[in-house]
Amino acid sequence: MRPATVVHHLSPEGKPRMGVFFATDSWQGDVLNAEPAKCAELRWVPAKQLPDNTVPYTAAGINLYLDSVGIGLHGWPELASR
C-alpha cells in the first residue's frame, strides 16, 4: 500500500473529517467490511467506473488520486471556489 491522496471533507451536517486514501497494484485475500451497518458491500471495480451509490467523499478521493492530486477538499463550497 502506498499513500494516494487525502480529502478534507465537510459533511452536509457540518461535520469535518479527513479521508486518507491508499493505492496498490495487487491484492491477495479478501477485503473486510468492518462497518456492515453502514456499508452493504465491498467489491473491486475499475476506478473510472464507480457505482452510482459510491459515498461522495470516497468518489472525490478516488478522482483526486486519478488526477494525481495529493490533497483536496470536498463539501467546503466557500473554500473550493477560491
N, C-alpha and C. Protein backbone atom coordinates (compact mmCIF):
# COMPACT_ATOMS: atom_id res chain seq x y z
N MET A 1 0.85 -1.18 0.00
CA MET A 1 0.00 0.00 0.00
C MET A 1 0.89 1.24 0.00
N ARG A 2 0.46 2.22 -0.77
CA ARG A 2 1.19 3.49 -0.80
C ARG A 2 0.19 4.64 -0.67
N PRO A 3 0.60 5.76 -0.08
CA PRO A 3 -0.31 6.90 0.03
C PRO A 3 -0.78 7.35 -1.35
N ALA A 4 -2.06 7.65 -1.46
CA ALA A 4 -2.63 8.08 -2.74
C ALA A 4 -3.07 9.54 -2.68
N THR A 5 -3.90 9.90 -1.71
CA THR A 5 -4.38 11.27 -1.55
C THR A 5 -5.06 11.41 -0.19
N VAL A 6 -5.37 12.64 0.15
CA VAL A 6 -6.10 12.96 1.38
C VAL A 6 -7.23 13.90 1.00
N VAL A 7 -8.41 13.66 1.59
CA VAL A 7 -9.57 14.53 1.35
C VAL A 7 -9.99 15.15 2.68
N HIS A 8 -10.05 16.48 2.71
CA HIS A 8 -10.62 17.18 3.86
C HIS A 8 -12.08 17.43 3.50
N HIS A 9 -12.96 16.68 4.16
CA HIS A 9 -14.38 16.64 3.81
C HIS A 9 -15.23 17.33 4.87
N LEU A 10 -16.25 18.05 4.43
CA LEU A 10 -17.25 18.61 5.32
C LEU A 10 -18.58 17.98 4.94
N SER A 11 -19.19 17.23 5.87
CA SER A 11 -20.45 16.55 5.58
C SER A 11 -21.57 17.58 5.44
N PRO A 12 -22.69 17.19 4.84
CA PRO A 12 -23.84 18.11 4.76
C PRO A 12 -24.33 18.56 6.13
N GLU A 13 -24.04 17.77 7.16
CA GLU A 13 -24.44 18.13 8.53
C GLU A 13 -23.42 19.05 9.20
N GLY A 14 -22.35 19.39 8.50
CA GLY A 14 -21.34 20.29 9.03
C GLY A 14 -20.25 19.62 9.85
N LYS A 15 -20.10 18.31 9.71
CA LYS A 15 -19.07 17.57 10.47
C LYS A 15 -17.85 17.35 9.59
N PRO A 16 -16.69 17.89 9.99
CA PRO A 16 -15.49 17.70 9.18
C PRO A 16 -14.85 16.33 9.44
N ARG A 17 -14.18 15.83 8.43
CA ARG A 17 -13.41 14.58 8.57
C ARG A 17 -12.30 14.59 7.54
N MET A 18 -11.29 13.78 7.83
CA MET A 18 -10.19 13.59 6.89
C MET A 18 -10.28 12.17 6.36
N GLY A 19 -10.22 12.02 5.06
CA GLY A 19 -10.17 10.71 4.43
C GLY A 19 -8.78 10.48 3.87
N VAL A 20 -8.12 9.43 4.31
CA VAL A 20 -6.78 9.10 3.82
C VAL A 20 -6.93 7.90 2.89
N PHE A 21 -6.44 8.04 1.68
CA PHE A 21 -6.60 7.02 0.65
C PHE A 21 -5.26 6.40 0.31
N PHE A 22 -5.28 5.11 0.07
CA PHE A 22 -4.08 4.36 -0.30
C PHE A 22 -4.33 3.65 -1.62
N ALA A 23 -3.26 3.34 -2.32
CA ALA A 23 -3.35 2.63 -3.60
C ALA A 23 -2.45 1.40 -3.56
N THR A 24 -2.79 0.43 -4.39
CA THR A 24 -1.97 -0.77 -4.54
C THR A 24 -2.13 -1.29 -5.96
N ASP A 25 -1.14 -1.99 -6.41
CA ASP A 25 -1.21 -2.59 -7.74
C ASP A 25 -1.66 -4.04 -7.69
N SER A 26 -1.66 -4.63 -6.50
CA SER A 26 -2.10 -6.02 -6.36
C SER A 26 -2.66 -6.23 -4.96
N TRP A 27 -3.45 -7.28 -4.82
CA TRP A 27 -4.06 -7.60 -3.54
C TRP A 27 -4.25 -9.10 -3.46
N GLN A 28 -3.98 -9.66 -2.30
CA GLN A 28 -4.23 -11.08 -2.07
C GLN A 28 -5.18 -11.21 -0.90
N GLY A 29 -6.11 -12.13 -1.01
CA GLY A 29 -7.05 -12.36 0.08
C GLY A 29 -8.33 -11.56 -0.09
N ASP A 30 -9.17 -11.64 0.92
CA ASP A 30 -10.45 -10.97 0.90
C ASP A 30 -10.33 -9.57 1.49
N VAL A 31 -11.31 -8.72 1.16
CA VAL A 31 -11.43 -7.43 1.82
C VAL A 31 -12.44 -7.60 2.95
N LEU A 32 -12.31 -6.82 4.00
CA LEU A 32 -13.17 -6.94 5.17
C LEU A 32 -14.07 -5.72 5.28
N ASN A 33 -15.36 -5.94 5.35
CA ASN A 33 -16.32 -4.88 5.59
C ASN A 33 -16.43 -4.70 7.11
N ALA A 34 -15.69 -3.73 7.64
CA ALA A 34 -15.65 -3.52 9.09
C ALA A 34 -16.85 -2.72 9.59
N GLU A 35 -17.67 -2.18 8.69
CA GLU A 35 -18.87 -1.44 9.08
C GLU A 35 -20.09 -1.94 8.31
N PRO A 36 -20.52 -3.18 8.53
CA PRO A 36 -21.63 -3.72 7.76
C PRO A 36 -22.95 -2.97 7.97
N ALA A 37 -23.10 -2.27 9.08
CA ALA A 37 -24.32 -1.49 9.29
C ALA A 37 -24.35 -0.23 8.43
N LYS A 38 -23.17 0.21 7.98
CA LYS A 38 -23.07 1.42 7.16
C LYS A 38 -22.79 1.12 5.69
N CYS A 39 -22.25 -0.06 5.42
CA CYS A 39 -21.79 -0.39 4.07
C CYS A 39 -22.35 -1.75 3.67
N ALA A 40 -23.18 -1.77 2.65
CA ALA A 40 -23.82 -3.03 2.24
C ALA A 40 -22.84 -4.00 1.60
N GLU A 41 -21.80 -3.48 0.95
CA GLU A 41 -20.94 -4.37 0.19
C GLU A 41 -19.61 -3.69 -0.13
N LEU A 42 -18.56 -4.49 -0.21
CA LEU A 42 -17.26 -4.05 -0.70
C LEU A 42 -16.93 -4.91 -1.91
N ARG A 43 -16.47 -4.27 -2.98
CA ARG A 43 -16.06 -5.03 -4.16
C ARG A 43 -15.08 -4.22 -4.96
N TRP A 44 -14.25 -4.91 -5.73
CA TRP A 44 -13.29 -4.26 -6.60
C TRP A 44 -14.00 -3.83 -7.87
N VAL A 45 -13.83 -2.57 -8.25
CA VAL A 45 -14.37 -2.05 -9.51
C VAL A 45 -13.31 -1.17 -10.15
N PRO A 46 -13.37 -0.96 -11.46
CA PRO A 46 -12.44 -0.02 -12.08
C PRO A 46 -12.62 1.38 -11.49
N ALA A 47 -11.52 2.03 -11.18
CA ALA A 47 -11.58 3.35 -10.54
C ALA A 47 -12.34 4.38 -11.36
N LYS A 48 -12.35 4.21 -12.67
CA LYS A 48 -13.07 5.16 -13.53
C LYS A 48 -14.52 4.75 -13.77
N GLN A 49 -14.97 3.69 -13.11
CA GLN A 49 -16.35 3.20 -13.26
C GLN A 49 -16.96 2.90 -11.90
N LEU A 50 -16.97 3.90 -11.03
CA LEU A 50 -17.52 3.71 -9.68
C LEU A 50 -19.03 3.53 -9.73
N PRO A 51 -19.58 2.72 -8.84
CA PRO A 51 -21.04 2.58 -8.77
C PRO A 51 -21.70 3.93 -8.45
N ASP A 52 -22.93 4.10 -8.90
CA ASP A 52 -23.66 5.36 -8.66
C ASP A 52 -23.85 5.66 -7.18
N ASN A 53 -23.88 4.62 -6.34
CA ASN A 53 -24.12 4.85 -4.92
C ASN A 53 -22.83 4.96 -4.10
N THR A 54 -21.70 5.23 -4.76
CA THR A 54 -20.44 5.43 -4.04
C THR A 54 -20.57 6.66 -3.14
N VAL A 55 -20.10 6.55 -1.92
CA VAL A 55 -20.13 7.68 -0.97
C VAL A 55 -19.42 8.87 -1.64
N PRO A 56 -20.04 10.06 -1.65
CA PRO A 56 -19.47 11.19 -2.39
C PRO A 56 -18.03 11.55 -2.03
N TYR A 57 -17.68 11.55 -0.73
CA TYR A 57 -16.30 11.93 -0.42
C TYR A 57 -15.33 10.82 -0.83
N THR A 58 -15.79 9.58 -0.86
CA THR A 58 -14.96 8.49 -1.36
C THR A 58 -14.70 8.67 -2.85
N ALA A 59 -15.74 8.98 -3.59
CA ALA A 59 -15.58 9.24 -5.02
C ALA A 59 -14.66 10.43 -5.26
N ALA A 60 -14.77 11.45 -4.42
CA ALA A 60 -13.89 12.62 -4.55
C ALA A 60 -12.43 12.22 -4.34
N GLY A 61 -12.17 11.38 -3.34
CA GLY A 61 -10.80 10.92 -3.10
C GLY A 61 -10.25 10.12 -4.26
N ILE A 62 -11.05 9.24 -4.82
CA ILE A 62 -10.60 8.44 -5.95
C ILE A 62 -10.34 9.33 -7.16
N ASN A 63 -11.20 10.31 -7.38
CA ASN A 63 -10.98 11.24 -8.50
C ASN A 63 -9.73 12.09 -8.30
N LEU A 64 -9.46 12.53 -7.07
CA LEU A 64 -8.23 13.26 -6.79
C LEU A 64 -7.01 12.40 -7.11
N TYR A 65 -7.06 11.14 -6.69
CA TYR A 65 -5.96 10.21 -6.98
C TYR A 65 -5.78 10.05 -8.50
N LEU A 66 -6.87 9.85 -9.22
CA LEU A 66 -6.78 9.68 -10.68
C LEU A 66 -6.20 10.93 -11.35
N ASP A 67 -6.45 12.09 -10.73
CA ASP A 67 -5.92 13.36 -11.26
C ASP A 67 -4.55 13.71 -10.68
N SER A 68 -3.96 12.80 -9.92
CA SER A 68 -2.63 12.98 -9.30
C SER A 68 -2.58 14.18 -8.36
N VAL A 69 -3.66 14.41 -7.62
CA VAL A 69 -3.73 15.49 -6.64
C VAL A 69 -3.51 14.88 -5.26
N GLY A 70 -2.53 15.38 -4.52
CA GLY A 70 -2.14 14.79 -3.24
C GLY A 70 -3.06 15.09 -2.08
N ILE A 71 -3.76 16.23 -2.12
CA ILE A 71 -4.70 16.59 -1.05
C ILE A 71 -5.76 17.50 -1.65
N GLY A 72 -7.01 17.34 -1.21
CA GLY A 72 -8.07 18.16 -1.77
C GLY A 72 -9.22 18.34 -0.80
N LEU A 73 -10.17 19.16 -1.20
CA LEU A 73 -11.34 19.49 -0.40
C LEU A 73 -12.58 18.87 -1.02
N HIS A 74 -13.55 18.55 -0.15
CA HIS A 74 -14.86 18.10 -0.63
C HIS A 74 -15.90 18.59 0.38
N GLY A 75 -16.93 19.28 -0.12
CA GLY A 75 -18.01 19.74 0.74
C GLY A 75 -17.80 21.09 1.38
N TRP A 76 -16.72 21.78 1.04
CA TRP A 76 -16.43 23.10 1.58
C TRP A 76 -16.66 24.14 0.48
N PRO A 77 -17.90 24.48 0.15
CA PRO A 77 -18.15 25.33 -1.02
C PRO A 77 -17.50 26.71 -0.95
N GLU A 78 -17.44 27.31 0.24
CA GLU A 78 -16.85 28.64 0.33
C GLU A 78 -15.35 28.62 0.10
N LEU A 79 -14.69 27.49 0.39
CA LEU A 79 -13.25 27.38 0.17
C LEU A 79 -12.94 26.89 -1.24
N ALA A 80 -13.76 26.00 -1.76
CA ALA A 80 -13.49 25.40 -3.05
C ALA A 80 -13.57 26.41 -4.19
N SER A 81 -14.33 27.50 -3.97
CA SER A 81 -14.49 28.49 -5.05
C SER A 81 -13.37 29.50 -5.08
N ARG A 82 -12.43 29.47 -4.12
CA ARG A 82 -11.33 30.45 -4.10
C ARG A 82 -10.25 30.08 -5.07
